[in-house]
Amino acid sequence: MERDRDMTEEKLINAIGELIVGEGFESLGVRKVADQAGVNKTLIYRYFESLDGLIYAYMKKHDFWLNTPLERPDVSDIKGYLKTFYRREIAECRDNIALKRLKRWELSSDKDFVVEIRAQREKNGVQFMEMISGFAKVDKEQLQAISALMDAGIAYLAMFAENCKMYNDIDIQSDKGWEQIAKGIDALVDIMIK
């Protein structure tokens, strides 16, 4: 029985992403999501309490900052660790169209579950800063500011790339353009980390 519930929850969570990619965020509704998942709409209420609860589950499952393990990096290659970390963030932000659209919607939302997700991201981000601040050439406040700009830049450009090809003469719809951005981040890591 528990396995059936897990499978149904997974179908519903996947249906959220499929509908957002196929028809846009505005298309989401309890009946439409249930139909996409091939289940009865009452299961959304039973398992997630509401459509918002289901959207929350989708975001928790797919959000980069909520799902990145923050293990202490190998101190012998902290720069390599950070460069790989930011490249993973770029890849995840670029690849998940549904999450990009949800993040764009999130910018104008004050729903309780969105506030909770932001708080969880912030908590993880603070832990990340604590973990790497001892390796920085710059003071902690500068490290926080530079990291905030890199994270915000990645998220913004990934969202913007859906509707705009060029940004600062960089093709943000191409792998080549994103490699240029990643190399810029690599250069910042080299500047700010011992």
Protein backbone atom coordinates (compact mmCIF):
# COMPACT_ATOMS: atom_id res chain seq x y z
CA MET A 1 0.00 0.00 0.00
CA GLU A 2 2.82 2.40 0.91
CA ARG A 3 4.52 1.62 -2.42
CA ASP A 4 1.30 2.53 -4.27
CA ARG A 5 1.16 5.83 -2.43
CA ASP A 6 4.81 6.58 -3.25
CA MET A 7 4.20 5.79 -6.92
CA THR A 8 1.08 7.97 -7.01
CA GLU A 9 2.86 10.86 -5.31
CA GLU A 10 5.68 10.55 -7.85
CA LYS A 11 3.16 10.58 -10.74
CA LEU A 12 1.54 13.72 -9.35
CA ILE A 13 4.87 15.49 -8.78
CA ASN A 14 5.97 14.58 -12.32
CA ALA A 15 2.64 15.80 -13.72
CA ILE A 16 3.34 19.27 -12.27
CA GLY A 17 6.59 19.50 -14.22
CA GLU A 18 5.07 18.10 -17.41
CA LEU A 19 2.18 20.57 -17.37
CA ILE A 20 4.37 23.57 -16.62
CA VAL A 21 6.69 22.68 -19.49
CA GLY A 22 3.89 21.79 -21.90
CA GLU A 23 1.24 24.38 -21.11
CA GLY A 24 2.71 26.88 -18.65
CA PHE A 25 2.28 27.51 -14.95
CA GLU A 26 -1.10 29.14 -15.48
CA SER A 27 -2.50 25.81 -16.71
CA LEU A 28 -2.13 24.15 -13.32
CA GLY A 29 -5.35 23.07 -11.70
CA VAL A 30 -6.28 20.13 -9.50
CA ARG A 31 -8.30 18.35 -12.19
CA LYS A 32 -5.72 18.97 -14.92
CA VAL A 33 -2.83 17.69 -12.77
CA ALA A 34 -4.80 14.60 -11.73
CA ASP A 35 -5.71 13.87 -15.35
CA GLN A 36 -2.08 14.27 -16.42
CA ALA A 37 -1.00 11.84 -13.68
CA GLY A 38 -3.86 9.45 -14.46
CA VAL A 39 -5.18 9.47 -10.89
CA ASN A 40 -8.25 10.68 -9.03
CA LYS A 41 -8.03 14.34 -7.99
CA THR A 42 -8.94 13.49 -4.39
CA LEU A 43 -5.47 11.95 -4.05
CA ILE A 44 -3.93 15.41 -4.41
CA TYR A 45 -5.83 16.50 -1.31
CA ARG A 46 -5.14 13.25 0.54
CA TYR A 47 -1.40 13.22 -0.10
CA PHE A 48 -0.56 16.93 -0.44
CA GLU A 49 -3.57 18.72 1.13
CA SER A 50 -3.84 21.13 -1.82
CA LEU A 51 -2.43 22.05 -5.21
CA ASP A 52 -0.04 24.39 -3.37
CA GLY A 53 1.15 21.42 -1.31
CA LEU A 54 1.86 19.50 -4.50
CA ILE A 55 3.73 22.46 -6.04
CA TYR A 56 5.72 22.70 -2.79
CA ALA A 57 6.63 19.00 -3.07
CA TYR A 58 7.78 19.54 -6.67
CA MET A 59 9.94 22.51 -5.70
CA LYS A 60 11.45 20.69 -2.72
CA LYS A 61 12.34 17.73 -4.91
CA HIS A 62 13.96 19.76 -7.70
CA ASP A 63 15.41 22.93 -6.13
CA PHE A 64 19.22 23.09 -6.35
CA TRP A 65 19.82 24.66 -2.95
CA LEU A 66 17.42 22.30 -1.18
CA ASN A 67 18.95 19.16 -2.68
CA THR A 68 22.67 19.83 -2.77
CA PRO A 69 24.50 17.93 -0.06
CA LEU A 70 26.68 20.37 1.83
CA GLU A 71 29.45 18.01 2.83
CA ARG A 72 32.77 19.48 3.86
CA PRO A 73 34.91 19.71 0.74
CA ASP A 74 38.37 18.24 0.33
CA VAL A 75 40.58 21.04 1.62
CA SER A 76 43.33 20.13 -0.84
CA ASP A 77 41.13 21.23 -3.76
CA ILE A 78 38.62 23.76 -2.47
CA LYS A 79 38.80 25.76 -5.70
CA GLY A 80 37.99 22.67 -7.77
CA TYR A 81 35.12 21.85 -5.42
CA LEU A 82 33.60 25.33 -5.82
CA LYS A 83 34.06 25.42 -9.58
CA THR A 84 32.29 22.05 -9.87
CA PHE A 85 29.60 23.23 -7.44
CA TYR A 86 28.75 26.30 -9.54
CA ARG A 87 28.84 24.30 -12.78
CA ARG A 88 26.31 21.88 -11.26
CA GLU A 89 24.15 24.84 -10.28
CA ILE A 90 24.32 26.17 -13.85
CA ALA A 91 23.39 22.78 -15.30
CA GLU A 92 20.43 22.29 -12.97
CA CYS A 93 19.13 25.82 -13.48
CA ARG A 94 19.37 25.48 -17.26
CA ASP A 95 17.99 21.97 -17.59
CA ASN A 96 14.79 22.12 -15.53
CA ILE A 97 12.36 24.25 -17.52
CA ALA A 98 9.51 23.70 -15.07
CA LEU A 99 11.60 24.81 -12.12
CA LYS A 100 12.73 27.93 -14.01
CA ARG A 101 9.10 28.85 -14.61
CA LEU A 102 8.20 28.16 -10.99
CA LYS A 103 11.08 30.35 -9.82
CA ARG A 104 9.87 33.14 -12.07
CA TRP A 105 6.41 32.79 -10.51
CA GLU A 106 7.97 32.59 -7.05
CA LEU A 107 9.43 36.09 -7.47
CA SER A 108 5.97 37.59 -7.12
CA SER A 109 4.50 35.13 -4.62
CA ASP A 110 4.17 35.40 -0.86
CA LYS A 111 2.45 32.06 -0.32
CA ASP A 112 3.44 30.34 2.92
CA PHE A 113 5.12 27.40 1.21
CA VAL A 114 7.19 29.78 -0.96
CA VAL A 115 8.31 31.67 2.14
CA GLU A 116 9.28 28.32 3.70
CA ILE A 117 11.29 27.28 0.64
CA ARG A 118 13.11 30.62 0.66
CA ALA A 119 13.94 30.14 4.35
CA GLN A 120 15.28 26.63 3.69
CA ARG A 121 17.41 27.90 0.80
CA GLU A 122 18.74 30.71 2.97
CA LYS A 123 19.60 28.27 5.78
CA ASN A 124 21.50 26.03 3.34
CA GLY A 125 23.23 29.04 1.79
CA VAL A 126 24.37 30.29 5.20
CA GLN A 127 25.71 26.81 6.04
CA PHE A 128 27.55 26.79 2.71
CA MET A 129 29.12 30.19 3.43
CA GLU A 130 30.17 29.04 6.91
CA MET A 131 31.77 25.96 5.38
CA ILE A 132 33.85 27.82 2.79
CA SER A 133 34.53 31.16 4.50
CA GLY A 134 37.68 29.81 6.15
CA PHE A 135 39.19 29.24 2.71
CA ALA A 136 38.54 32.74 1.39
CA LYS A 137 41.10 35.45 0.60
CA VAL A 138 38.35 38.02 1.11
CA ASP A 139 36.43 38.69 4.31
CA LYS A 140 33.19 36.85 4.99
CA GLU A 141 30.97 39.80 4.03
CA GLN A 142 32.68 40.13 0.65
CA LEU A 143 32.46 36.37 0.11
CA GLN A 144 28.72 36.46 0.86
CA ALA A 145 28.18 39.36 -1.54
CA ILE A 146 30.18 37.78 -4.39
CA SER A 147 28.44 34.43 -3.88
CA ALA A 148 25.03 36.13 -3.82
CA LEU A 149 25.81 37.83 -7.13
CA MET A 150 26.97 34.56 -8.71
CA ASP A 151 23.90 32.61 -7.54
CA ALA A 152 21.49 35.37 -8.50
CA GLY A 153 23.21 35.79 -11.86
CA ILE A 154 22.96 32.08 -12.63
CA ALA A 155 19.27 31.97 -11.69
CA TYR A 156 18.40 35.17 -13.55
CA LEU A 157 20.26 34.27 -16.74
CA ALA A 158 18.81 30.75 -16.76
CA MET A 159 15.28 32.18 -16.49
CA PHE A 160 15.99 34.97 -18.97
CA ALA A 161 17.47 32.57 -21.56
CA GLU A 162 14.03 31.15 -22.21
CA ASN A 163 12.96 34.41 -23.86
CA CYS A 164 16.21 36.14 -24.77
CA LYS A 165 19.18 34.87 -26.76
CA MET A 166 21.88 37.39 -25.89
CA TYR A 167 22.95 39.02 -22.64
CA ASN A 168 26.02 41.25 -22.55
CA ASP A 169 26.96 39.82 -25.96
CA ILE A 170 26.92 36.26 -24.55
CA ASP A 171 24.62 33.69 -26.18
CA ILE A 172 22.80 32.48 -23.06
CA GLN A 173 20.87 29.92 -25.08
CA SER A 174 24.04 28.04 -26.04
CA ASP A 175 26.46 25.74 -24.26
CA LYS A 176 29.30 27.94 -25.50
CA GLY A 177 27.78 31.00 -23.85
CA TRP A 178 27.27 29.17 -20.57
CA GLU A 179 30.82 27.85 -20.69
CA GLN A 180 31.95 31.48 -20.95
CA ILE A 181 29.87 32.31 -17.86
CA ALA A 182 31.25 29.26 -16.00
CA LYS A 183 34.80 30.34 -16.83
CA GLY A 184 33.99 33.80 -15.46
CA ILE A 185 32.80 32.17 -12.24
CA ASP A 186 35.98 30.05 -12.20
CA ALA A 187 38.01 33.28 -12.38
CA LEU A 188 36.06 34.74 -9.44
CA VAL A 189 36.67 31.57 -7.43
CA ASP A 190 40.40 31.85 -8.18
CA ILE A 191 40.37 35.46 -6.97
CA MET A 192 38.42 34.91 -3.75
CA ILE A 193 39.66 31.50 -2.53
CA LYS A 194 43.13 30.70 -1.13
